[in-house]
Amino acid sequence: MKKPTPPPGNSQGLSRRTFLGGAAAASTLAALDVHAQPSPNNAGRAPAPRGGSFELEEATLSELQAAMQSGKSTAHGLAERYLARIQEMDRTGDSPLNSVIELNPDALAIAAALDEERKARGPRGPLHGIPVLIKDNIATADKMQTTAGSLALVGAIPSRDAFVVERLRIAGAVILGKTNLSEWANFRSTHSSSGWSGRGGQCRNPYALDRTPSGSSSGSGAATAANFCAVSVGTETDGSIVSPSAACSLVGLKPTLGLVSRSGIIPLAHSQDTAGPMARTVADAAALLGVLAGIDPGDAVTATSRGHALVDYTRFLDPDGLKGARIGVPRERYFGYHPATDALIERALELMQARGAIIVDSANIPTVAKMDEPEIEVLLYEFKADVEAYLAGLGERTRVRTLADLIRFNEEHHDVELAWFGQELFHQAQEKGPLTDKKYRKALEACRKLSREQGLDAVMAKHNLDALVAPTQAPPGLIDLVNGDHWLGSSSTPAAVAGYPSITVPAGYVAGLPVGLSFIGLAWSEPTLLRLAFAYEQASRHRRAPGFASTADLRQVAKV
């Protein structure tokens, strides 16, 4: 979950925008073979640019499949190259990227088996033999951990794969490892640093190593942008896919609630949680979505996707897909907080109009200023209920059974877990009662009404829109472990609270720092959003590989 700052003049107290946006510990970290935490002296210092030519740089799924089909490469060979790149670039130097929290020791064996299967029976589909990274809150019943970045869950191996992992394995994907993240999906402190976890340390942005990768799917964003995998899987409650994707010049798609299963994923809040694809191109995101989507008996909300979940979303990709599309611009609250970002989006609007889109400007969301207060109330209630249900499902495999246990663990391991910021949100959630409380039910009803019928539904119907577009957020800010994130604004909340889809695509760069453009739609409008995003991507082609530089170096190579 991203953690933006309240807009000027907001004096309503704590809201989602306020928080969203010793020796023994050292020996524990060494024994677990996890990343050491950065020292304050290294936290803001970036090394010289690194990472020379890489033969798989910016390779797409179709290109990788063509290479394997022709015999030019193999799944084993691809996995070897990506693993070597991770070892070389993610874990070395004064400012390591810290995007991958753990590697899969079985990855090469799995890849070799898939090569033999291809020879015998042909490929299973577009992900056969493809190296994928997944966020460390997504369960795997193998030799890897599933911890949400917390040392409290080290050793608590789930009894089965998350449903989305089952689907990845069935599709023939090679899971290379787990990615770092904002611990507990950035729902622990009101002034956290996005991309930091007690287990993984501080993840960095490959475009500027002293800048935030955003969160909470920080490692998935940084690793995919850095070409450590072909595609990755992130999760979102509010902004945690689209925000790091924008910060790392990626395509990130937050699906409609219910399109992708959450079973086996460490939860934040069931009314908003979802997994989704993060990729370097819209086509790759569409291909991965087709694998992830589907009905899961273990997650009742996915039953609502019957008739909507599709196997192939790539068929909606049309370079002329903007022609005739009605696109609204919600200027209130989502523009005006960063002039250079606004300038990029104005150019994007001009480009879309030139490609035949009908721009409806402005198309404001009537309830935009009213969602924050009920959202935080819902999240605090649901986090306590949902995380305790997940811990109960681990049974004897974990010694932490309740949120109170997690709070106590952090206090007992404060030298690591509380080294930089506290657990204020944990304490606030702990004070909440059961989900039968009238206060929770009232807040949940308000969230649905404000975001849906009075919000997105209303503005889309009023203007007969296919989608809304807005800046995903400002360029990524500097990492600040002491004071926490500095966010200027973002546009993820309406779709997040409504459970509706959104997709971000690269919109350009401000002083070399990535900026994303979000397309936001109504429930089950993924085909439309993918069509629009693909057409814009093909017309603009902003994505470029990162340089692993520092902010001071960026102006020399910036292409604003």
Protein backbone atom coordinates (compact mmCIF):
# COMPACT_ATOMS: atom_id res chain seq x y z
CA MET A 1 0.00 0.00 0.00
CA LYS A 2 1.42 3.37 -0.95
CA LYS A 3 1.47 6.11 1.63
CA PRO A 4 0.74 9.55 0.15
CA THR A 5 0.67 12.77 2.12
CA PRO A 6 -2.63 14.56 2.76
CA PRO A 7 -3.40 17.45 0.43
CA PRO A 8 -2.77 20.93 1.83
CA GLY A 9 -5.46 22.05 4.23
CA ASN A 10 -6.51 18.55 5.30
CA SER A 11 -7.08 18.78 9.04
CA GLN A 12 -9.35 15.79 9.56
CA GLY A 13 -6.74 13.86 11.55
CA LEU A 14 -5.55 10.40 10.58
CA SER A 15 -6.76 9.25 7.17
CA ARG A 16 -5.53 6.76 4.59
CA ARG A 17 -3.45 9.50 3.01
CA THR A 18 -1.66 10.02 6.28
CA PHE A 19 -0.35 6.49 6.48
CA LEU A 20 -0.70 5.12 2.91
CA GLY A 21 0.85 6.54 1.00
CA GLY A 22 22.03 -6.12 18.47
CA ALA A 23 24.15 -9.15 18.17
CA ALA A 24 21.33 -11.64 18.43
CA ALA A 25 19.51 -9.95 15.59
CA ALA A 26 22.61 -9.96 13.41
CA SER A 27 23.20 -13.66 13.99
CA THR A 28 19.56 -14.35 13.13
CA LEU A 29 19.86 -12.48 9.85
CA ALA A 30 23.07 -14.27 8.97
CA ALA A 31 21.53 -17.64 9.69
CA LEU A 32 18.54 -16.83 7.47
CA ASP A 33 20.77 -15.59 4.63
CA VAL A 34 18.71 -12.45 4.18
CA HIS A 35 19.82 -9.02 3.09
CA ALA A 36 21.54 -6.94 5.75
CA GLN A 37 19.77 -3.67 6.49
CA PRO A 38 21.39 -0.55 5.02
CA SER A 39 23.28 1.70 7.36
CA PRO A 40 22.16 5.33 7.58
CA ASN A 41 25.41 6.31 5.90
CA ASN A 42 24.55 4.24 2.82
CA ALA A 43 20.80 4.90 2.75
CA GLY A 44 20.98 7.97 0.52
CA ARG A 45 24.23 7.37 -1.38
CA ALA A 46 24.09 5.84 -4.83
CA PRO A 47 27.10 4.20 -6.49
CA ALA A 48 28.28 4.81 -9.99
CA PRO A 49 25.98 3.42 -12.69
CA ARG A 50 26.41 -0.28 -13.15
CA GLY A 51 25.03 -3.14 -15.18
CA GLY A 52 26.48 -3.37 -18.65
CA SER A 53 24.87 -5.03 -21.63
CA PHE A 54 22.55 -7.93 -20.87
CA GLU A 55 21.40 -10.13 -23.72
CA LEU A 56 17.89 -10.48 -22.26
CA GLU A 57 17.42 -6.79 -21.51
CA GLU A 58 13.81 -5.73 -22.15
CA ALA A 59 13.01 -9.15 -23.67
CA THR A 60 9.26 -9.75 -24.02
CA LEU A 61 7.37 -12.97 -23.42
CA SER A 62 6.87 -13.51 -27.13
CA GLU A 63 10.57 -12.96 -27.81
CA LEU A 64 11.58 -15.40 -25.07
CA GLN A 65 9.12 -17.98 -26.35
CA ALA A 66 10.43 -17.57 -29.90
CA ALA A 67 13.98 -18.09 -28.65
CA MET A 68 13.02 -21.30 -26.85
CA GLN A 69 10.89 -22.57 -29.71
CA SER A 70 13.71 -22.04 -32.21
CA GLY A 71 16.24 -23.76 -29.96
CA LYS A 72 18.29 -20.59 -29.61
CA SER A 73 17.67 -20.70 -25.88
CA THR A 74 16.13 -22.92 -23.22
CA ALA A 75 14.16 -22.38 -20.04
CA HIS A 76 17.21 -23.54 -18.11
CA GLY A 77 19.40 -21.07 -19.97
CA LEU A 78 16.99 -18.19 -19.37
CA ALA A 79 16.75 -18.99 -15.67
CA GLU A 80 20.54 -19.16 -15.41
CA ARG A 81 20.97 -15.75 -17.03
CA TYR A 82 18.37 -14.03 -14.86
CA LEU A 83 19.70 -15.67 -11.69
CA ALA A 84 23.25 -14.60 -12.53
CA ARG A 85 22.06 -11.04 -13.12
CA ILE A 86 20.28 -11.02 -9.74
CA GLN A 87 23.39 -12.28 -7.99
CA GLU A 88 25.56 -9.71 -9.74
CA MET A 89 23.37 -6.61 -9.46
CA ASP A 90 20.86 -7.04 -6.66
CA ARG A 91 23.09 -7.97 -3.74
CA THR A 92 26.41 -6.16 -4.24
CA GLY A 93 27.83 -2.70 -3.76
CA ASP A 94 27.27 0.04 -1.19
CA SER A 95 23.69 0.51 -2.38
CA PRO A 96 22.32 -2.89 -3.44
CA LEU A 97 18.96 -2.90 -5.19
CA ASN A 98 17.58 -5.36 -2.59
CA SER A 99 14.63 -6.25 -4.80
CA VAL A 100 14.83 -10.05 -4.42
CA ILE A 101 14.44 -11.34 -0.89
CA GLU A 102 15.04 -15.02 -1.66
CA LEU A 103 15.91 -17.26 -4.62
CA ASN A 104 14.22 -20.54 -5.40
CA PRO A 105 16.83 -23.33 -4.99
CA ASP A 106 14.76 -25.54 -7.31
CA ALA A 107 14.41 -23.02 -10.15
CA LEU A 108 17.01 -24.54 -12.46
CA ALA A 109 15.73 -28.08 -11.95
CA ILE A 110 12.17 -26.93 -12.71
CA ALA A 111 13.38 -25.14 -15.82
CA ALA A 112 15.26 -28.22 -17.04
CA ALA A 113 12.15 -30.38 -16.57
CA LEU A 114 10.11 -27.88 -18.57
CA ASP A 115 12.68 -28.03 -21.37
CA GLU A 116 12.27 -31.80 -21.54
CA GLU A 117 8.49 -31.40 -21.59
CA ARG A 118 8.71 -28.91 -24.45
CA LYS A 119 10.76 -31.37 -26.47
CA ALA A 120 8.29 -34.17 -25.80
CA ARG A 121 4.93 -32.42 -25.97
CA GLY A 122 5.44 -28.79 -26.91
CA PRO A 123 4.81 -25.69 -24.79
CA ARG A 124 1.87 -25.41 -22.41
CA GLY A 125 1.29 -21.76 -23.30
CA PRO A 126 2.83 -18.28 -23.25
CA LEU A 127 4.42 -18.76 -19.81
CA HIS A 128 6.06 -22.14 -20.46
CA GLY A 129 9.66 -21.86 -19.24
CA ILE A 130 9.31 -18.16 -18.45
CA PRO A 131 11.21 -16.90 -15.36
CA VAL A 132 8.82 -15.12 -12.97
CA LEU A 133 9.29 -13.44 -9.59
CA ILE A 134 6.50 -13.20 -7.00
CA LYS A 135 6.01 -10.98 -3.98
CA ASP A 136 6.97 -12.36 -0.57
CA ASN A 137 3.39 -12.32 0.70
CA ILE A 138 2.34 -14.99 -1.81
CA ALA A 139 2.50 -18.50 -0.39
CA THR A 140 4.65 -21.25 -1.86
CA ALA A 141 4.74 -24.70 -0.29
CA ASP A 142 8.34 -25.34 -1.25
CA LYS A 143 11.81 -24.48 0.07
CA MET A 144 11.13 -20.75 0.09
CA GLN A 145 9.71 -18.61 2.89
CA THR A 146 6.48 -16.60 2.80
CA THR A 147 6.84 -13.77 5.30
CA ALA A 148 5.41 -10.44 4.09
CA GLY A 149 8.94 -9.23 4.79
CA SER A 150 8.63 -9.88 8.53
CA LEU A 151 11.04 -11.96 10.58
CA ALA A 152 8.02 -13.07 12.62
CA LEU A 153 6.96 -15.48 9.85
CA VAL A 154 10.37 -16.94 8.99
CA GLY A 155 10.03 -20.73 9.21
CA ALA A 156 6.22 -20.68 8.93
CA ILE A 157 6.06 -22.55 5.62
CA PRO A 158 2.50 -22.73 4.22
CA SER A 159 1.00 -26.17 3.64
CA ARG A 160 0.03 -25.37 0.04
CA ASP A 161 0.72 -22.93 -2.73
CA ALA A 162 -1.39 -19.84 -3.14
CA PHE A 163 -3.97 -20.35 -5.90
CA VAL A 164 -2.13 -17.91 -8.19
CA VAL A 165 1.08 -19.91 -7.68
CA GLU A 166 -0.77 -23.10 -8.61
CA ARG A 167 -1.87 -21.39 -11.81
CA LEU A 168 1.64 -20.19 -12.56
CA ARG A 169 3.03 -23.69 -12.09
CA ILE A 170 0.30 -25.22 -14.26
CA ALA A 171 1.12 -22.66 -16.95
CA GLY A 172 4.77 -23.77 -16.88
CA ALA A 173 6.26 -20.66 -15.32
CA VAL A 174 9.60 -20.92 -13.54
CA ILE A 175 9.34 -19.15 -10.19
CA LEU A 176 12.83 -17.73 -9.68
CA GLY A 177 12.21 -16.44 -6.18
CA LYS A 178 10.39 -13.99 -3.94
CA THR A 179 10.62 -10.21 -4.07
CA ASN A 180 11.16 -7.75 -1.26
CA LEU A 181 8.25 -5.50 -0.24
CA SER A 182 7.10 -2.88 2.18
CA GLU A 183 6.73 -5.02 5.30
CA TRP A 184 3.15 -6.13 5.95
CA ALA A 185 2.15 -4.45 2.68
CA ASN A 186 3.06 -1.04 4.16
CA PHE A 187 0.42 -1.32 6.87
CA ARG A 188 2.51 -1.12 10.01
CA SER A 189 3.58 2.49 10.52
CA THR A 190 2.29 5.94 9.70
CA HIS A 191 5.76 7.06 8.58
CA SER A 192 7.34 4.01 6.99
CA SER A 193 9.82 3.92 4.12
CA SER A 194 8.25 2.10 1.17
CA GLY A 195 10.24 -0.93 0.12
CA TRP A 196 11.72 -1.56 3.58
CA SER A 197 11.20 -4.83 5.40
CA GLY A 198 12.84 -6.31 8.46
CA ARG A 199 13.78 -9.38 6.46
CA GLY A 200 14.88 -7.73 3.22
CA GLY A 201 16.14 -4.28 4.15
CA GLN A 202 15.53 -1.26 1.95
CA CYS A 203 14.66 -1.93 -1.68
CA ARG A 204 15.80 0.76 -4.12
CA ASN A 205 14.64 2.20 -7.41
CA PRO A 206 16.85 1.08 -10.34
CA TYR A 207 16.32 4.42 -12.09
CA ALA A 208 17.87 6.29 -9.15
CA LEU A 209 19.25 4.17 -6.35
CA ASP A 210 18.68 6.87 -3.76
CA ARG A 211 14.98 7.04 -4.72
CA THR A 212 12.04 5.02 -3.47
CA PRO A 213 10.73 2.10 -5.53
CA SER A 214 7.35 2.88 -3.93
CA GLY A 215 5.26 0.06 -2.57
CA SER A 216 4.17 -2.16 -1.34
CA SER A 217 5.09 -4.39 -4.31
CA SER A 218 8.46 -2.66 -4.28
CA GLY A 219 10.69 -5.59 -5.16
CA SER A 220 8.38 -6.82 -7.90
CA GLY A 221 8.57 -3.38 -9.50
CA ALA A 222 12.31 -2.85 -9.07
CA ALA A 223 13.25 -6.38 -10.15
CA THR A 224 11.08 -6.36 -13.27
CA ALA A 225 12.34 -2.92 -14.27
CA ALA A 226 15.93 -4.10 -13.70
CA ASN A 227 15.39 -7.11 -15.99
CA PHE A 228 15.81 -9.68 -13.22
CA CYS A 229 12.83 -11.63 -14.60
CA ALA A 230 10.44 -11.58 -17.51
CA VAL A 231 7.34 -10.59 -15.50
CA SER A 232 6.35 -10.50 -11.85
CA VAL A 233 3.30 -10.73 -9.62
CA GLY A 234 2.43 -8.03 -7.11
CA THR A 235 -0.50 -7.42 -4.80
CA GLU A 236 -2.54 -4.30 -4.12
CA THR A 237 -4.90 -2.95 -1.50
CA ASP A 238 -4.56 0.68 -2.56
CA GLY A 239 -1.77 1.55 -4.97
CA SER A 240 0.59 -1.32 -4.26
CA ILE A 241 0.73 -2.52 -7.87
CA VAL A 242 0.21 0.69 -9.81
CA SER A 243 2.42 2.87 -7.58
CA PRO A 244 5.67 0.84 -7.80
CA SER A 245 4.93 0.17 -11.46
CA ALA A 246 4.74 3.90 -12.14
CA ALA A 247 7.86 4.55 -10.05
CA CYS A 248 9.77 1.92 -12.05
CA SER A 249 8.46 2.72 -15.55
CA LEU A 250 6.40 -0.46 -15.76
CA VAL A 251 2.94 -1.58 -16.75
CA GLY A 252 0.99 -2.61 -13.67
CA LEU A 253 -2.58 -3.86 -13.67
CA LYS A 254 -4.80 -3.95 -10.59
CA PRO A 255 -7.69 -6.26 -11.53
CA THR A 256 -11.33 -6.08 -10.58
CA LEU A 257 -11.86 -7.52 -7.11
CA GLY A 258 -12.64 -11.19 -7.65
CA LEU A 259 -10.91 -11.66 -10.99
CA VAL A 260 -7.75 -13.01 -9.32
CA SER A 261 -7.76 -15.21 -6.21
CA ARG A 262 -6.32 -14.09 -2.87
CA SER A 263 -6.22 -17.49 -1.17
CA GLY A 264 -2.73 -18.17 0.15
CA ILE A 265 -1.77 -14.49 0.04
CA ILE A 266 -0.97 -12.80 3.36
CA PRO A 267 -3.85 -10.33 3.59
CA LEU A 268 -4.31 -6.70 4.41
CA ALA A 269 -8.03 -6.17 3.78
CA HIS A 270 -10.33 -8.56 1.93
CA SER A 271 -12.63 -5.83 0.59
CA GLN A 272 -9.76 -4.40 -1.48
CA ASP A 273 -6.94 -6.99 -1.74
CA THR A 274 -5.99 -8.46 -5.11
CA ALA A 275 -2.97 -9.83 -6.91
CA GLY A 276 -2.02 -8.66 -10.38
CA PRO A 277 0.61 -8.55 -13.13
CA MET A 278 3.63 -6.25 -13.32
CA ALA A 279 5.50 -6.19 -16.62
CA ARG A 280 7.54 -4.11 -19.01
CA THR A 281 4.86 -4.12 -21.74
CA VAL A 282 1.08 -4.13 -21.89
CA ALA A 283 1.15 -7.32 -23.96
CA ASP A 284 3.12 -9.15 -21.27
CA ALA A 285 0.78 -7.89 -18.55
CA ALA A 286 -2.20 -9.12 -20.58
CA ALA A 287 -0.64 -12.56 -21.07
CA LEU A 288 0.11 -12.90 -17.35
CA LEU A 289 -3.39 -11.76 -16.39
CA GLY A 290 -4.85 -14.60 -18.44
CA VAL A 291 -2.88 -17.07 -16.34
CA LEU A 292 -3.70 -15.47 -12.98
CA ALA A 293 -7.45 -14.96 -13.52
CA GLY A 294 -9.90 -17.71 -12.62
CA ILE A 295 -12.42 -19.01 -10.13
CA ASP A 296 -10.96 -20.41 -6.90
CA PRO A 297 -13.21 -22.45 -4.57
CA GLY A 298 -11.00 -21.21 -1.74
CA ASP A 299 -11.85 -17.55 -2.40
CA ALA A 300 -15.61 -17.03 -2.63
CA VAL A 301 -15.37 -13.59 -4.22
CA THR A 302 -13.86 -15.11 -7.38
CA ALA A 303 -17.26 -16.68 -8.15
CA THR A 304 -18.32 -13.20 -9.25
CA SER A 305 -15.82 -13.43 -12.11
CA ARG A 306 -17.81 -16.20 -13.82
CA GLY A 307 -18.38 -15.03 -17.37
CA HIS A 308 -15.76 -12.31 -16.95
CA ALA A 309 -12.48 -14.17 -16.34
CA LEU A 310 -10.76 -14.92 -19.64
CA VAL A 311 -7.86 -17.12 -20.66
CA ASP A 312 -6.50 -14.77 -23.32
CA TYR A 313 -6.49 -11.01 -22.78
CA THR A 314 -3.97 -10.38 -25.54
CA ARG A 315 -6.74 -10.57 -28.14
CA PHE A 316 -7.96 -7.15 -27.01
CA LEU A 317 -4.67 -5.44 -27.84
CA ASP A 318 -5.20 -3.04 -30.74
CA PRO A 319 -2.76 -0.30 -31.78
CA ASP A 320 -5.77 1.69 -33.00
CA GLY A 321 -7.68 1.06 -29.79
CA LEU A 322 -7.90 4.75 -28.84
CA LYS A 323 -9.99 5.64 -31.89
CA GLY A 324 -13.47 6.70 -30.78
CA ALA A 325 -12.80 5.98 -27.10
CA ARG A 326 -14.34 8.44 -24.64
CA ILE A 327 -11.76 9.24 -22.00
CA GLY A 328 -12.48 11.44 -19.00
CA VAL A 329 -9.99 13.59 -17.09
CA PRO A 330 -10.67 13.85 -13.33
CA ARG A 331 -8.69 17.01 -12.61
CA GLU A 332 -9.94 17.64 -9.10
CA ARG A 333 -7.35 16.28 -6.64
CA TYR A 334 -5.44 14.24 -9.22
CA PHE A 335 -3.76 17.15 -11.01
CA GLY A 336 -1.99 20.20 -9.67
CA TYR A 337 0.34 18.69 -7.08
CA HIS A 338 3.38 18.45 -9.39
CA PRO A 339 3.60 20.72 -12.47
CA ALA A 340 6.17 18.65 -14.37
CA THR A 341 4.01 15.56 -13.97
CA ASP A 342 0.98 17.49 -15.17
CA ALA A 343 2.93 18.58 -18.25
CA LEU A 344 3.68 14.97 -19.19
CA ILE A 345 0.04 13.99 -18.80
CA GLU A 346 -1.10 16.94 -20.92
CA ARG A 347 1.15 15.62 -23.68
CA ALA A 348 -0.38 12.18 -23.22
CA LEU A 349 -3.87 13.64 -23.58
CA GLU A 350 -2.82 15.41 -26.77
CA LEU A 351 -1.37 12.17 -28.14
CA MET A 352 -4.51 10.21 -27.30
CA GLN A 353 -6.67 12.84 -28.96
CA ALA A 354 -4.46 12.74 -32.05
CA ARG A 355 -5.01 8.97 -32.14
CA GLY A 356 -8.76 9.43 -32.24
CA ALA A 357 -9.80 9.47 -28.59
CA ILE A 358 -12.52 11.84 -27.43
CA ILE A 359 -11.15 13.63 -24.37
CA VAL A 360 -13.82 14.71 -21.88
CA ASP A 361 -12.14 17.40 -19.80
CA SER A 362 -12.93 17.60 -17.03
CA ALA A 363 -14.76 14.59 -15.62
CA ASN A 364 -14.32 14.87 -11.88
CA ILE A 365 -15.25 12.13 -9.41
CA PRO A 366 -17.94 13.74 -7.21
CA THR A 367 -16.96 11.95 -4.00
CA VAL A 368 -13.19 12.14 -4.36
CA ALA A 369 -12.62 13.97 -1.06
CA LYS A 370 -14.87 11.72 1.02
CA MET A 371 -13.33 8.25 0.65
CA ASP A 372 -10.26 8.47 2.87
CA GLU A 373 -11.87 8.45 6.30
CA PRO A 374 -14.13 5.40 5.81
CA GLU A 375 -11.36 3.57 3.94
CA ILE A 376 -8.91 3.70 6.81
CA GLU A 377 -11.61 2.53 9.21
CA VAL A 378 -12.34 -0.49 7.02
CA LEU A 379 -8.68 -1.34 6.59
CA LEU A 380 -7.93 -1.24 10.31
CA TYR A 381 -10.84 -3.56 11.10
CA GLU A 382 -10.16 -5.96 8.23
CA PHE A 383 -6.41 -6.14 8.78
CA LYS A 384 -6.84 -7.43 12.32
CA ALA A 385 -9.51 -9.97 11.31
CA ASP A 386 -7.83 -11.10 8.10
CA VAL A 387 -4.25 -11.42 9.34
CA GLU A 388 -5.40 -13.40 12.38
CA ALA A 389 -7.37 -15.72 10.09
CA TYR A 390 -4.24 -16.24 7.98
CA LEU A 391 -2.09 -16.95 11.04
CA ALA A 392 -4.68 -19.42 12.33
CA GLY A 393 -4.42 -21.26 9.01
CA LEU A 394 -0.71 -21.80 9.57
CA GLY A 395 -1.48 -23.84 12.69
CA GLU A 396 1.53 -25.21 14.50
CA ARG A 397 3.88 -23.90 11.82
CA THR A 398 3.98 -20.50 13.52
CA ARG A 399 4.28 -19.26 17.10
CA VAL A 400 2.53 -15.96 16.30
CA ARG A 401 -1.23 -16.49 16.27
CA THR A 402 -2.67 -12.98 16.72
CA LEU A 403 -1.98 -9.37 15.91
CA ALA A 404 -1.02 -8.90 19.56
CA ASP A 405 1.61 -11.61 19.06
CA LEU A 406 3.02 -9.74 16.06
CA ILE A 407 3.18 -6.51 18.06
CA ARG A 408 4.99 -8.35 20.86
CA PHE A 409 7.42 -10.00 18.40
CA ASN A 410 8.36 -6.62 16.94
CA GLU A 411 8.95 -5.21 20.40
CA GLU A 412 11.14 -8.16 21.33
CA HIS A 413 13.13 -7.77 18.09
CA HIS A 414 13.07 -3.99 18.03
CA ASP A 415 16.72 -3.66 17.00
CA VAL A 416 15.74 -5.05 13.60
CA GLU A 417 11.99 -4.70 13.16
CA LEU A 418 11.61 -1.27 14.78
CA ALA A 419 15.00 0.11 13.83
CA TRP A 420 13.60 2.87 11.59
CA PHE A 421 9.89 3.28 12.31
CA GLY A 422 7.20 2.00 14.62
CA GLN A 423 3.99 -0.01 14.43
CA GLU A 424 1.33 2.62 15.02
CA LEU A 425 -1.11 1.03 12.57
CA PHE A 426 -0.75 -2.35 14.27
CA HIS A 427 -1.70 -0.73 17.58
CA GLN A 428 -4.67 1.07 16.00
CA ALA A 429 -5.90 -2.14 14.35
CA GLN A 430 -5.47 -4.06 17.60
CA GLU A 431 -8.00 -1.73 19.24
CA LYS A 432 -10.70 -2.65 16.70
CA GLY A 433 -13.46 -5.13 17.43
CA PRO A 434 -14.99 -7.86 15.22
CA LEU A 435 -16.37 -7.32 11.72
CA THR A 436 -19.87 -7.36 13.16
CA ASP A 437 -19.27 -3.93 14.74
CA LYS A 438 -21.70 -1.28 13.50
CA LYS A 439 -18.84 1.16 13.01
CA TYR A 440 -17.15 -1.22 10.57
CA ARG A 441 -20.35 -2.04 8.69
CA LYS A 442 -21.15 1.67 8.34
CA ALA A 443 -17.66 2.47 7.05
CA LEU A 444 -17.76 -0.41 4.56
CA GLU A 445 -21.14 0.71 3.24
CA ALA A 446 -19.82 4.26 2.88
CA CYS A 447 -16.75 3.04 0.98
CA ARG A 448 -18.86 1.12 -1.53
CA LYS A 449 -21.38 3.90 -2.05
CA LEU A 450 -18.84 6.71 -2.32
CA SER A 451 -16.48 4.86 -4.65
CA ARG A 452 -19.05 3.07 -6.78
CA GLU A 453 -22.57 4.46 -7.32
CA GLN A 454 -21.77 8.02 -6.21
CA GLY A 455 -18.19 7.92 -7.51
CA LEU A 456 -16.86 6.05 -10.52
CA ASP A 457 -20.23 4.72 -11.67
CA ALA A 458 -21.69 8.25 -11.56
CA VAL A 459 -18.95 10.02 -13.50
CA MET A 460 -18.61 7.25 -16.09
CA ALA A 461 -22.38 7.22 -16.73
CA LYS A 462 -22.72 11.01 -16.78
CA HIS A 463 -20.14 11.38 -19.54
CA ASN A 464 -20.60 7.94 -21.20
CA LEU A 465 -16.92 7.17 -20.68
CA ASP A 466 -14.80 4.16 -21.54
CA ALA A 467 -12.19 5.12 -18.94
CA LEU A 468 -10.73 7.87 -16.80
CA VAL A 469 -7.07 8.87 -17.07
CA ALA A 470 -4.88 10.64 -14.51
CA PRO A 471 -1.26 10.77 -13.37
CA THR A 472 -0.58 7.65 -11.34
CA GLN A 473 1.58 9.75 -9.00
CA ALA A 474 4.49 12.18 -8.92
CA PRO A 475 8.06 11.00 -9.69
CA PRO A 476 9.57 8.83 -6.94
CA GLY A 477 10.90 10.72 -3.91
CA LEU A 478 14.14 10.22 -2.04
CA ILE A 479 14.47 7.29 0.36
CA ASP A 480 14.26 8.57 3.92
CA LEU A 481 14.44 5.87 6.57
CA VAL A 482 14.27 8.42 9.38
CA ASN A 483 11.26 10.51 8.35
CA GLY A 484 9.52 8.10 6.00
CA ASP A 485 8.03 8.60 2.54
CA HIS A 486 7.30 12.00 1.05
CA TRP A 487 4.34 11.66 -1.29
CA LEU A 488 2.73 14.51 -3.19
CA GLY A 489 -0.31 12.78 -4.67
CA SER A 490 -1.70 9.74 -6.47
CA SER A 491 -4.86 8.48 -8.16
CA SER A 492 -5.23 4.87 -7.01
CA THR A 493 -7.88 5.24 -4.30
CA PRO A 494 -11.20 5.32 -6.21
CA ALA A 495 -10.52 2.07 -8.10
CA ALA A 496 -8.96 0.48 -5.02
CA VAL A 497 -11.90 1.23 -2.75
CA ALA A 498 -14.48 0.33 -5.41
CA GLY A 499 -12.72 -2.91 -6.32
CA TYR A 500 -12.56 -1.73 -9.95
CA PRO A 501 -9.61 -2.20 -12.33
CA SER A 502 -6.86 0.25 -13.19
CA ILE A 503 -3.71 -0.01 -15.25
CA THR A 504 -0.66 2.25 -15.28
CA VAL A 505 1.69 2.64 -18.25
CA PRO A 506 4.88 4.70 -18.62
CA ALA A 507 4.10 8.34 -19.49
CA GLY A 508 7.65 9.64 -19.64
CA TYR A 509 10.30 10.96 -17.27
CA VAL A 510 10.85 14.04 -15.14
CA ALA A 511 14.60 14.64 -14.80
CA GLY A 512 15.09 10.96 -15.60
CA LEU A 513 12.56 9.78 -12.98
CA PRO A 514 9.60 7.70 -14.21
CA VAL A 515 6.02 8.94 -14.30
CA GLY A 516 3.00 6.74 -15.01
CA LEU A 517 -0.40 7.33 -16.58
CA SER A 518 -3.37 5.43 -15.10
CA PHE A 519 -6.42 4.23 -17.02
CA ILE A 520 -9.31 3.57 -14.61
CA GLY A 521 -12.50 1.70 -15.48
CA LEU A 522 -15.61 0.02 -14.13
CA ALA A 523 -15.86 -3.58 -12.91
CA TRP A 524 -14.68 -6.22 -15.40
CA SER A 525 -13.46 -3.60 -17.90
CA GLU A 526 -9.95 -5.12 -18.14
CA PRO A 527 -10.36 -5.76 -21.90
CA THR A 528 -11.17 -2.09 -22.51
CA LEU A 529 -8.38 -0.82 -20.28
CA LEU A 530 -5.83 -3.12 -21.91
CA ARG A 531 -6.95 -1.99 -25.36
CA LEU A 532 -6.58 1.69 -24.45
CA ALA A 533 -3.31 1.23 -22.57
CA PHE A 534 -1.79 -0.81 -25.41
CA ALA A 535 -2.73 1.79 -28.03
CA TYR A 536 -1.22 4.56 -25.91
CA GLU A 537 1.91 2.51 -25.22
CA GLN A 538 2.44 1.76 -28.90
CA ALA A 539 1.96 5.42 -29.82
CA SER A 540 4.23 6.80 -27.10
CA ARG A 541 6.83 4.09 -26.42
CA HIS A 542 8.21 5.74 -23.28
CA ARG A 543 9.61 2.67 -21.55
CA ARG A 544 13.39 2.45 -21.37
CA ALA A 545 15.69 0.34 -19.21
CA PRO A 546 17.05 1.84 -15.98
CA GLY A 547 20.63 3.04 -15.57
CA PHE A 548 21.20 2.26 -11.86
CA ALA A 549 22.40 5.83 -11.38
CA SER A 550 22.00 8.38 -8.61
CA THR A 551 19.68 11.37 -8.75
CA ALA A 552 22.68 13.64 -9.33
CA ASP A 553 23.62 11.67 -12.46
CA LEU A 554 20.17 11.60 -14.03
CA ARG A 555 20.10 14.99 -15.70
CA GLN A 556 23.01 13.96 -17.90
CA VAL A 557 20.91 11.21 -19.49
CA ALA A 558 17.37 12.44 -18.90
CA LYS A 559 14.97 12.39 -21.84
CA VAL A 560 12.14 14.39 -20.42
